[in-house]
Amino acid sequence: MGDRADRCQRRVRDIRRAAALAAYALVLVASLVGAQQPAAPVPAERLAAREWFRNAGFGMFIHWGVYSQLARGEWVMQDQSIPIPTYEWLASSFNPIRFDAREWVSLAKSAGVRYITITSRHHDGFAMFATQANKYNIVDWTPFKRDPLKELSDECQRQGIKLFFYYSQLDWHHPDYFPRGGTGKASGRPNSGDWNNYITFMNTQLTELLTHYGPIGGIWFDGMWDKPDADWHLADTYALIHRLQPAALIVPNHHKAPMPDEDVQTFEQDLPGANSAGFNTTTVGALPLETSLTMNNSWGFTITDKNWKSTKELVGFLVRAAGANANLLLNIGPRPDGTIQPEAAQRLRDVGVWLVSHGTAIYNTRGGPISPRPWGVTTQRGDTVFVHLLRWQDQSITIPAIAATVTHAATLGVGGSVTFTQTAAGVTLTLPEAPAADEPDHIIVLTTTKSPPRR
C-alpha cells in the first residue's frame, strides 16, 4: 500500500510537472507568435490627423494654472517645497476674472497658429477643467467657478483652431501617486498609496477631456520621466484615447524614441535629434515632429523673466523647425488674472504679420532637399524648394547640389528674379541685392523639375 501510494504521488507530481511545462510552452509559443505579428494598421482617420499635423507648421503652447499666482513658474510648488495644505489654500484663491477665451483664440489666429495646446492639469495636480474625479479643480475649488477649457474649446471650434490638451502624468498632490518619483517629495503626503488607483484616476480624467469638449486635436502627455521604470499602463491609456476619439493624436513628452500607438514625436526646447537641452533623445522616428519653445526662459508666468526672444529670433526658430520637418509649438504663460503679457502678445502678432507674406514657405511643407546649414535651411512642397537664408549677408550663395533641375528662381514676397547657375557641384544663386541685416529670413523660391540637372 505504501509503495503504491508513493508511486501514485510521484505520478501525480510528474503529471502536474508535465502539465506545467506544457502550459509554459504554450505561453512561450503564444508570446513568440504574438511578437512576430505585425503591428495593427493605423486607421485612416488617424493617418489623416497625422498628415494634418505635419502640415500645420505652427502651434501655440499655454502654461496656465494656480502657479501663475506666485509668478515664479509652473514648478514653484516643487522649487519652493510648498506642502499640499498651503498649495491647496493658494488654489482656493485662484480667480482669473479677466480670462477671455475669444481674446486668446483671436490672438492665436492673428499669429498664424493652427493649433493650441493648453495645460489641462500640470504637475501640481490641479485640474483646470470641470472634473468629477475629485474636487481639486477650478470649478469646485475656486471662486472662479467656470470651466476655461470648455470656453476655450467652444471658441476654438468657432474660429477653426484645433485644441490639444496637455496632461501631466506626474502628480505632486494625489496620494496614490506612489511609489513617489524623483520630484514632489516635499508635498507632505503619507508614504503609501495605490498605483493602480492612480492610473484609474488619470484615465477617468482623460475620459472627461475626450467626451466633454467636442473633437480635440489630441492629448499632450508630460511627466512620465519622473518615474521612468514604472508601469504606466500606456497600452490601456492609449487605447482608451483612440477608442473615444479615433482621430485624436497622442503626443508624449517622455524624451524617448517613439513607442507603439503614439502619433507625434515632440522635442522640448530643441530641434529634433539635436539634444542641445541635454535630456531629449537623439533618435528621430518616422512620426510627425514637433519642437516646443519658450518665448523667454519660462513656461509658466514668471514676473521677473524679461529675457524675451526677439521676433527675428522667433521667426528663425520657426523656420529651422520647418527645415527639420517639425512644427514649432511656441509657449506663452498667461498672468493669474487671465490676461496675456503684452510682450508675448506683440511678438505673436509680429510673427503672424511675417507669416502672411512668408507662410507659403512654412505651411504644408516638408524639410527640403538640403540638410540644415549655418546659413539656414530648405523647405519643400512638391517641385517647389524654398531656400531660407537666415544668416547670410552676401549677394550670392552656392548651395549644395539637389537631385532636380532648377528652372526658375525668385525672391519670395518681392518677386524679383534671382540669377542662378546649376552644376553637378551645386546651385549658385545671385540675388538682386544682399539680404538686409534686420531681415528675419530671406527666402528664395526655386521651381524645379524631376529630371536630374545636366552635367
Protein backbone atom coordinates (compact mmCIF):
# COMPACT_ATOMS: atom_id res chain seq x y z
CA MET A 1 0.00 0.00 0.00
CA GLY A 2 2.81 2.37 0.92
CA ASP A 3 4.77 1.71 -2.26
CA ARG A 4 1.63 2.06 -4.33
CA ALA A 5 0.81 5.38 -2.61
CA ASP A 6 4.33 6.67 -3.25
CA ARG A 7 4.14 5.65 -6.88
CA CYS A 8 0.76 7.38 -7.21
CA GLN A 9 2.08 10.56 -5.63
CA ARG A 10 5.14 10.54 -7.90
CA ARG A 11 2.89 10.00 -10.89
CA VAL A 12 0.65 12.90 -9.85
CA ARG A 13 3.72 15.12 -9.44
CA ASP A 14 5.00 14.03 -12.85
CA ILE A 15 1.63 14.74 -14.45
CA ARG A 16 1.48 18.17 -12.81
CA ARG A 17 5.07 18.94 -13.84
CA ALA A 18 4.33 17.88 -17.39
CA ALA A 19 1.15 19.94 -17.43
CA ALA A 20 3.02 22.98 -16.09
CA LEU A 21 5.74 22.57 -18.71
CA ALA A 22 3.13 22.20 -21.43
CA ALA A 23 1.32 25.32 -20.24
CA TYR A 24 4.58 27.26 -20.13
CA ALA A 25 5.40 26.04 -23.63
CA LEU A 26 2.01 27.22 -24.87
CA VAL A 27 2.54 30.65 -23.29
CA LEU A 28 6.02 30.84 -24.79
CA VAL A 29 4.80 29.88 -28.24
CA ALA A 30 1.93 32.35 -27.99
CA SER A 31 4.28 35.14 -26.97
CA LEU A 32 6.66 34.33 -29.82
CA VAL A 33 3.81 34.22 -32.31
CA GLY A 34 2.48 37.49 -30.90
CA ALA A 35 5.89 39.08 -31.17
CA GLN A 36 6.05 38.10 -34.83
CA GLN A 37 2.66 39.61 -35.61
CA PRO A 38 2.88 42.93 -37.43
CA ALA A 39 1.56 45.98 -35.64
CA ALA A 40 -2.08 46.72 -36.33
CA PRO A 41 -2.50 49.20 -39.19
CA VAL A 42 -3.16 52.79 -38.18
CA PRO A 43 -6.79 53.71 -39.00
CA ALA A 44 -7.34 56.11 -41.89
CA GLU A 45 -8.75 58.89 -39.72
CA ARG A 46 -5.65 58.88 -37.52
CA LEU A 47 -3.38 58.87 -40.55
CA ALA A 48 -5.33 61.88 -41.86
CA ALA A 49 -4.91 63.61 -38.48
CA ARG A 50 -1.18 62.96 -38.57
CA GLU A 51 -0.99 64.43 -42.06
CA TRP A 52 -2.91 67.49 -40.91
CA PHE A 53 -0.45 67.88 -38.05
CA ARG A 54 2.53 67.65 -40.39
CA ASN A 55 1.04 70.44 -42.50
CA ALA A 56 0.11 72.69 -39.56
CA GLY A 57 3.57 74.15 -39.06
CA PHE A 58 2.85 76.36 -36.06
CA GLY A 59 1.09 75.94 -32.71
CA MET A 60 0.69 77.94 -29.51
CA PHE A 61 1.51 76.38 -26.13
CA ILE A 62 -0.22 77.74 -23.00
CA HIS A 63 1.05 77.07 -19.46
CA TRP A 64 -1.53 78.46 -17.05
CA GLY A 65 -2.74 77.43 -13.62
CA VAL A 66 -2.66 78.03 -9.86
CA TYR A 67 1.12 78.51 -10.01
CA SER A 68 0.61 81.66 -12.08
CA GLN A 69 -0.42 83.46 -8.88
CA LEU A 70 3.07 83.19 -7.41
CA ALA A 71 4.61 84.41 -10.69
CA ARG A 72 7.63 82.13 -10.31
CA GLY A 73 6.94 79.49 -12.94
CA GLU A 74 4.95 76.27 -13.09
CA TRP A 75 7.45 74.33 -10.91
CA VAL A 76 7.08 76.67 -7.91
CA MET A 77 5.43 74.00 -5.71
CA GLN A 78 8.47 71.77 -6.20
CA ASP A 79 11.11 74.50 -6.27
CA GLN A 80 9.87 76.15 -3.06
CA SER A 81 8.92 72.87 -1.29
CA ILE A 82 5.34 74.03 -0.76
CA PRO A 83 3.31 71.41 1.16
CA ILE A 84 -0.12 70.36 -0.08
CA PRO A 85 -2.23 72.24 2.53
CA THR A 86 -0.52 75.53 1.70
CA TYR A 87 -0.84 74.96 -2.02
CA GLU A 88 -4.50 73.99 -1.64
CA TRP A 89 -5.10 77.31 0.14
CA LEU A 90 -3.38 79.07 -2.77
CA ALA A 91 -5.61 77.22 -5.23
CA SER A 92 -8.72 78.31 -3.32
CA SER A 93 -7.97 81.95 -4.16
CA PHE A 94 -7.42 81.47 -7.90
CA ASN A 95 -9.85 83.81 -9.66
CA PRO A 96 -8.84 84.75 -13.22
CA ILE A 97 -11.73 87.15 -13.78
CA ARG A 98 -10.18 88.73 -16.90
CA PHE A 99 -9.89 85.45 -18.81
CA ASP A 100 -11.47 85.83 -22.25
CA ALA A 101 -11.41 82.77 -24.49
CA ARG A 102 -12.31 84.80 -27.57
CA GLU A 103 -9.41 87.15 -26.96
CA TRP A 104 -6.95 84.27 -26.54
CA VAL A 105 -8.08 82.41 -29.66
CA SER A 106 -8.23 85.61 -31.71
CA LEU A 107 -4.62 86.33 -30.72
CA ALA A 108 -3.64 82.81 -31.78
CA LYS A 109 -5.44 83.31 -35.07
CA SER A 110 -3.63 86.60 -35.71
CA ALA A 111 -0.32 84.86 -35.00
CA GLY A 112 -0.99 82.33 -37.72
CA VAL A 113 -1.03 79.29 -35.42
CA ARG A 114 -3.08 76.29 -36.50
CA TYR A 115 -3.49 74.66 -33.08
CA ILE A 116 -3.35 75.42 -29.35
CA THR A 117 -2.03 73.10 -26.65
CA ILE A 118 -3.06 74.12 -23.12
CA THR A 119 -2.32 72.68 -19.69
CA SER A 120 -5.45 70.88 -18.51
CA ARG A 121 -3.50 69.67 -15.47
CA HIS A 122 0.13 70.32 -14.60
CA HIS A 123 2.40 68.55 -12.12
CA ASP A 124 0.70 70.27 -9.17
CA GLY A 125 -2.30 68.01 -9.82
CA PHE A 126 -4.82 70.85 -10.05
CA ALA A 127 -7.35 70.37 -12.86
CA MET A 128 -8.10 73.45 -14.97
CA PHE A 129 -11.39 71.87 -16.05
CA ALA A 130 -14.60 70.52 -14.52
CA THR A 131 -13.78 67.01 -13.39
CA GLN A 132 -15.87 64.57 -11.36
CA ALA A 133 -12.77 62.55 -10.42
CA ASN A 134 -12.10 64.82 -7.42
CA LYS A 135 -12.90 68.31 -6.12
CA TYR A 136 -9.41 69.66 -6.78
CA ASN A 137 -10.37 71.62 -9.88
CA ILE A 138 -11.07 75.17 -10.98
CA VAL A 139 -14.87 74.81 -10.87
CA ASP A 140 -15.22 73.21 -7.42
CA TRP A 141 -12.18 74.62 -5.60
CA THR A 142 -12.03 78.29 -6.64
CA PRO A 143 -14.28 81.36 -6.60
CA PHE A 144 -13.99 81.46 -10.41
CA LYS A 145 -16.50 78.58 -10.76
CA ARG A 146 -16.09 78.49 -14.56
CA ASP A 147 -14.52 75.93 -16.88
CA PRO A 148 -11.99 77.86 -19.02
CA LEU A 149 -11.18 74.81 -21.12
CA LYS A 150 -14.82 74.45 -22.16
CA GLU A 151 -14.94 78.13 -23.09
CA LEU A 152 -11.66 77.76 -24.98
CA SER A 153 -12.85 74.61 -26.73
CA ASP A 154 -16.04 76.31 -27.90
CA GLU A 155 -14.12 79.33 -29.15
CA CYS A 156 -11.50 77.22 -30.94
CA GLN A 157 -14.28 75.44 -32.81
CA ARG A 158 -15.81 78.79 -33.75
CA GLN A 159 -12.54 80.16 -35.08
CA GLY A 160 -11.22 77.00 -36.72
CA ILE A 161 -8.27 76.30 -34.39
CA LYS A 162 -7.58 72.76 -33.18
CA LEU A 163 -7.25 72.30 -29.43
CA PHE A 164 -4.90 69.86 -27.73
CA PHE A 165 -4.89 69.17 -24.00
CA TYR A 166 -1.60 68.95 -22.12
CA TYR A 167 -2.00 66.39 -19.32
CA SER A 168 0.63 65.70 -16.66
CA GLN A 169 1.10 62.07 -15.74
CA LEU A 170 3.23 63.27 -12.82
CA ASP A 171 1.25 64.44 -9.79
CA TRP A 172 2.57 66.21 -6.66
CA HIS A 173 -0.86 66.20 -5.00
CA HIS A 174 -2.59 62.83 -5.44
CA PRO A 175 -1.93 60.37 -2.58
CA ASP A 176 -1.93 57.35 -4.89
CA TYR A 177 0.96 58.64 -6.98
CA PHE A 178 3.09 56.06 -5.19
CA PRO A 179 5.85 55.00 -5.03
CA ARG A 180 6.99 58.61 -5.40
CA GLY A 181 9.15 59.63 -8.32
CA GLY A 182 12.12 61.93 -8.45
CA THR A 183 10.08 65.03 -7.59
CA GLY A 184 7.24 66.07 -5.28
CA LYS A 185 8.78 64.61 -2.15
CA ALA A 186 8.20 67.73 -0.02
CA SER A 187 4.42 67.76 -0.53
CA GLY A 188 3.72 66.08 2.82
CA ARG A 189 1.81 63.06 1.54
CA PRO A 190 1.82 59.81 3.57
CA ASN A 191 4.37 57.28 2.44
CA SER A 192 1.77 54.96 0.94
CA GLY A 193 -0.64 54.73 -1.97
CA ASP A 194 -2.22 52.52 -4.63
CA TRP A 195 -0.63 52.98 -8.06
CA ASN A 196 -3.47 51.19 -9.88
CA ASN A 197 -5.97 53.59 -8.30
CA TYR A 198 -3.91 56.47 -9.63
CA ILE A 199 -3.93 55.04 -13.17
CA THR A 200 -7.72 54.68 -12.91
CA PHE A 201 -7.97 58.29 -11.73
CA MET A 202 -5.94 59.52 -14.70
CA ASN A 203 -7.98 57.53 -17.18
CA THR A 204 -11.18 58.91 -15.64
CA GLN A 205 -9.98 62.48 -16.19
CA LEU A 206 -8.79 61.69 -19.70
CA THR A 207 -12.22 60.22 -20.47
CA GLU A 208 -13.78 63.52 -19.38
CA LEU A 209 -11.43 65.54 -21.58
CA LEU A 210 -12.22 63.31 -24.55
CA THR A 211 -16.01 63.29 -24.11
CA HIS A 212 -16.99 66.73 -22.73
CA TYR A 213 -15.12 69.13 -25.01
CA GLY A 214 -16.04 68.14 -28.54
CA PRO A 215 -13.49 66.95 -31.10
CA ILE A 216 -9.97 67.69 -29.88
CA GLY A 217 -6.63 67.51 -31.64
CA GLY A 218 -5.13 65.17 -29.09
CA ILE A 219 -3.51 64.66 -25.69
CA TRP A 220 -0.02 66.05 -24.98
CA PHE A 221 1.49 63.97 -22.16
CA ASP A 222 4.26 65.08 -19.82
CA GLY A 223 5.88 63.77 -16.65
CA MET A 224 6.48 60.09 -17.34
CA TRP A 225 10.19 60.83 -16.97
CA ASP A 226 9.57 61.30 -13.20
CA LYS A 227 9.16 57.52 -12.86
CA PRO A 228 10.85 56.08 -15.97
CA ASP A 229 10.69 52.47 -14.74
CA ALA A 230 7.05 52.49 -13.59
CA ASP A 231 4.29 50.56 -15.32
CA TRP A 232 2.27 53.44 -16.74
CA HIS A 233 -0.24 51.08 -18.41
CA LEU A 234 0.35 53.01 -21.64
CA ALA A 235 -1.31 50.42 -23.85
CA ASP A 236 -4.57 50.76 -21.92
CA THR A 237 -4.46 54.56 -21.77
CA TYR A 238 -3.54 54.94 -25.43
CA ALA A 239 -6.28 52.50 -26.47
CA LEU A 240 -8.78 54.49 -24.38
CA ILE A 241 -7.85 57.73 -26.16
CA HIS A 242 -8.06 56.26 -29.63
CA ARG A 243 -11.32 54.49 -28.84
CA LEU A 244 -13.03 57.64 -27.54
CA GLN A 245 -11.70 59.89 -30.31
CA PRO A 246 -10.15 57.87 -33.15
CA ALA A 247 -8.59 60.97 -34.75
CA ALA A 248 -7.06 62.29 -31.51
CA LEU A 249 -3.27 62.30 -31.59
CA ILE A 250 -1.06 61.16 -28.72
CA VAL A 251 1.91 63.49 -28.22
CA PRO A 252 4.21 62.20 -25.44
CA ASN A 253 6.95 64.39 -23.97
CA HIS A 254 8.86 61.46 -22.49
CA HIS A 255 12.20 62.31 -24.18
CA LYS A 256 12.46 58.80 -25.63
CA ALA A 257 12.15 57.21 -29.05
CA PRO A 258 8.51 56.74 -30.16
CA MET A 259 6.54 53.92 -28.55
CA PRO A 260 3.64 51.90 -30.00
CA ASP A 261 0.39 53.80 -30.69
CA GLU A 262 1.97 57.24 -30.28
CA ASP A 263 1.29 59.71 -33.08
CA VAL A 264 3.74 62.60 -32.76
CA GLN A 265 7.32 62.84 -31.54
CA THR A 266 7.92 66.09 -29.66
CA PHE A 267 11.18 67.67 -28.51
CA GLU A 268 11.36 70.12 -25.62
CA GLN A 269 13.37 73.32 -26.19
CA ASP A 270 15.20 71.54 -29.00
CA LEU A 271 15.19 70.72 -32.69
CA PRO A 272 14.60 67.04 -33.50
CA GLY A 273 17.63 64.92 -32.69
CA ALA A 274 19.84 67.84 -31.62
CA ASN A 275 19.63 67.30 -27.85
CA SER A 276 21.22 70.63 -27.09
CA ALA A 277 18.99 70.71 -23.99
CA GLY A 278 20.68 67.54 -22.69
CA PHE A 279 17.57 65.48 -21.92
CA ASN A 280 15.98 64.80 -25.32
CA THR A 281 16.58 61.68 -27.36
CA THR A 282 18.80 61.86 -30.44
CA THR A 283 16.58 59.27 -32.13
CA VAL A 284 14.21 60.78 -34.67
CA GLY A 285 11.42 58.42 -35.72
CA ALA A 286 9.05 58.40 -38.67
CA LEU A 287 6.14 60.13 -36.89
CA PRO A 288 5.21 63.79 -37.35
CA LEU A 289 7.62 66.01 -35.42
CA GLU A 290 7.25 68.98 -33.10
CA THR A 291 9.57 71.21 -31.11
CA SER A 292 8.31 73.25 -28.15
CA LEU A 293 9.91 76.56 -27.21
CA THR A 294 9.56 79.21 -24.53
CA MET A 295 9.27 82.83 -25.63
CA ASN A 296 11.51 83.91 -22.76
CA ASN A 297 13.10 81.48 -20.27
CA SER A 298 9.89 80.33 -18.58
CA TRP A 299 6.88 78.15 -19.34
CA GLY A 300 4.58 79.44 -16.60
CA PHE A 301 4.20 83.15 -15.80
CA THR A 302 7.39 84.47 -14.18
CA ILE A 303 7.17 88.16 -13.39
CA THR A 304 10.95 88.72 -13.29
CA ASP A 305 11.72 86.96 -16.57
CA LYS A 306 12.35 89.70 -19.13
CA ASN A 307 14.62 87.64 -21.38
CA TRP A 308 12.27 87.83 -24.33
CA LYS A 309 13.39 86.41 -27.64
CA SER A 310 13.10 88.93 -30.46
CA THR A 311 10.63 88.48 -33.30
CA LYS A 312 13.58 87.81 -35.59
CA GLU A 313 14.78 85.03 -33.27
CA LEU A 314 11.30 83.50 -33.06
CA VAL A 315 10.92 83.51 -36.84
CA GLY A 316 14.32 81.86 -37.02
CA PHE A 317 13.19 79.09 -34.66
CA LEU A 318 10.00 78.60 -36.69
CA VAL A 319 11.97 78.35 -39.92
CA ARG A 320 14.60 76.00 -38.53
CA ALA A 321 11.85 73.77 -37.14
CA ALA A 322 10.21 73.63 -40.56
CA GLY A 323 13.59 72.82 -42.12
CA ALA A 324 13.87 69.91 -39.67
CA ASN A 325 10.41 68.69 -40.76
CA ALA A 326 8.85 69.81 -37.47
CA ASN A 327 6.16 72.14 -36.17
CA LEU A 328 7.04 74.90 -33.72
CA LEU A 329 4.92 74.95 -30.54
CA LEU A 330 5.58 78.43 -29.13
CA ASN A 331 4.72 78.99 -25.48
CA ILE A 332 3.02 81.77 -23.55
CA GLY A 333 2.42 81.91 -19.79
CA PRO A 334 -0.70 84.00 -19.06
CA ARG A 335 -0.95 86.04 -15.87
CA PRO A 336 -3.11 84.91 -12.93
CA ASP A 337 -5.92 87.31 -13.86
CA GLY A 338 -6.27 85.59 -17.24
CA THR A 339 -4.53 88.23 -19.35
CA ILE A 340 -1.56 87.64 -21.64
CA GLN A 341 1.63 89.63 -21.15
CA PRO A 342 1.86 92.46 -23.72
CA GLU A 343 5.40 91.39 -24.71
CA ALA A 344 4.16 87.92 -25.63
CA ALA A 345 1.06 89.17 -27.41
CA GLN A 346 3.04 91.63 -29.53
CA ARG A 347 5.56 89.00 -30.59
CA LEU A 348 2.77 86.66 -31.60
CA ARG A 349 1.17 89.37 -33.73
CA ASP A 350 4.54 90.21 -35.30
CA VAL A 351 5.17 86.58 -36.23
CA GLY A 352 1.66 86.50 -37.69
CA VAL A 353 2.41 89.52 -39.88
CA TRP A 354 5.54 87.78 -41.18
CA LEU A 355 3.57 84.61 -41.92
CA VAL A 356 1.02 86.50 -44.01
CA SER A 357 3.68 87.13 -46.67
CA HIS A 358 6.02 84.19 -46.00
CA GLY A 359 3.77 81.43 -44.66
CA THR A 360 3.70 79.62 -48.00
CA ALA A 361 7.28 78.55 -47.25
CA ILE A 362 6.22 77.11 -43.84
CA TYR A 363 2.69 75.70 -44.01
CA ASN A 364 2.13 72.41 -45.88
CA THR A 365 5.85 71.95 -46.46
CA ARG A 366 8.41 69.31 -45.56
CA GLY A 367 12.09 69.57 -44.82
CA GLY A 368 13.84 70.37 -48.09
CA PRO A 369 16.49 68.53 -50.09
CA ILE A 370 19.41 70.21 -48.30
CA SER A 371 20.10 69.40 -44.67
CA PRO A 372 20.28 72.36 -42.28
CA ARG A 373 23.30 74.60 -42.66
CA PRO A 374 24.73 77.50 -40.61
CA TRP A 375 23.28 79.89 -43.20
CA GLY A 376 19.76 78.43 -42.98
CA VAL A 377 17.53 75.61 -44.15
CA THR A 378 15.35 74.49 -47.03
CA THR A 379 11.70 73.51 -47.09
CA GLN A 380 9.78 71.93 -49.96
CA ARG A 381 6.30 71.48 -51.34
CA GLY A 382 6.08 69.34 -54.45
CA ASP A 383 8.55 70.66 -57.03
CA THR A 384 9.00 73.98 -55.23
CA VAL A 385 12.02 74.38 -52.96
CA PHE A 386 12.28 77.30 -50.53
CA VAL A 387 15.81 78.35 -49.62
CA HIS A 388 15.73 80.17 -46.27
CA LEU A 389 18.72 82.47 -45.77
CA LEU A 390 18.75 83.15 -42.04
CA ARG A 391 22.41 84.05 -41.69
CA TRP A 392 23.68 85.39 -44.96
CA GLN A 393 24.66 88.92 -45.89
CA ASP A 394 26.33 88.48 -49.27
CA GLN A 395 24.67 88.92 -52.64
CA SER A 396 25.43 85.40 -53.88
CA ILE A 397 25.49 81.96 -52.32
CA THR A 398 26.26 78.47 -53.58
CA ILE A 399 24.03 75.78 -52.09
CA PRO A 400 24.72 72.02 -52.31
CA ALA A 401 23.53 70.03 -55.31
CA ILE A 402 19.92 68.89 -55.47
CA ALA A 403 18.53 65.95 -57.44
CA ALA A 404 16.33 68.05 -59.71
CA THR A 405 16.71 70.70 -62.40
CA VAL A 406 16.09 74.28 -61.35
CA THR A 407 14.01 76.09 -63.97
CA HIS A 408 13.34 79.38 -62.19
CA ALA A 409 14.44 81.27 -59.06
CA ALA A 410 12.82 84.30 -57.43
CA THR A 411 12.72 86.13 -54.11
CA LEU A 412 9.59 85.39 -52.09
CA GLY A 413 7.47 88.43 -51.42
CA VAL A 414 9.45 90.80 -53.61
CA GLY A 415 9.02 88.58 -56.62
CA GLY A 416 12.25 89.68 -58.30
CA SER A 417 14.08 87.09 -60.36
CA VAL A 418 17.25 85.56 -58.97
CA THR A 419 20.04 84.63 -61.36
CA PHE A 420 21.20 81.06 -60.92
CA THR A 421 23.77 78.64 -62.28
CA GLN A 422 23.38 74.93 -61.67
CA THR A 423 26.21 72.42 -61.93
CA ALA A 424 26.91 68.99 -60.52
CA ALA A 425 28.59 70.72 -57.57
CA GLY A 426 25.61 72.81 -56.58
CA VAL A 427 23.43 75.83 -57.39
CA THR A 428 24.85 79.36 -57.27
CA LEU A 429 22.22 82.00 -56.60
CA THR A 430 22.86 85.69 -57.28
CA LEU A 431 20.38 87.98 -55.58
CA PRO A 432 19.38 91.44 -56.86
CA GLU A 433 20.79 92.72 -53.56
CA ALA A 434 22.18 91.24 -50.35
CA PRO A 435 19.68 90.36 -47.58
CA ALA A 436 19.13 93.16 -45.09
CA ALA A 437 20.77 92.65 -41.69
CA ASP A 438 17.44 93.00 -39.85
CA GLU A 439 15.55 90.67 -42.20
CA PRO A 440 14.38 87.57 -40.25
CA ASP A 441 14.50 85.27 -43.25
CA HIS A 442 15.35 85.97 -46.88
CA ILE A 443 13.57 83.29 -48.94
CA ILE A 444 14.43 82.25 -52.47
CA VAL A 445 11.85 80.15 -54.31
CA LEU A 446 13.26 77.51 -56.65
CA THR A 447 10.96 75.96 -59.24
CA THR A 448 12.29 72.55 -60.24
CA THR A 449 11.56 69.59 -62.47
CA LYS A 450 12.11 65.93 -61.68
CA SER A 451 14.78 65.47 -64.32
CA PRO A 452 18.31 65.45 -62.90
CA PRO A 453 20.48 68.52 -63.60
CA ARG A 454 22.72 68.48 -66.67
CA ARG A 455 26.40 67.91 -66.06
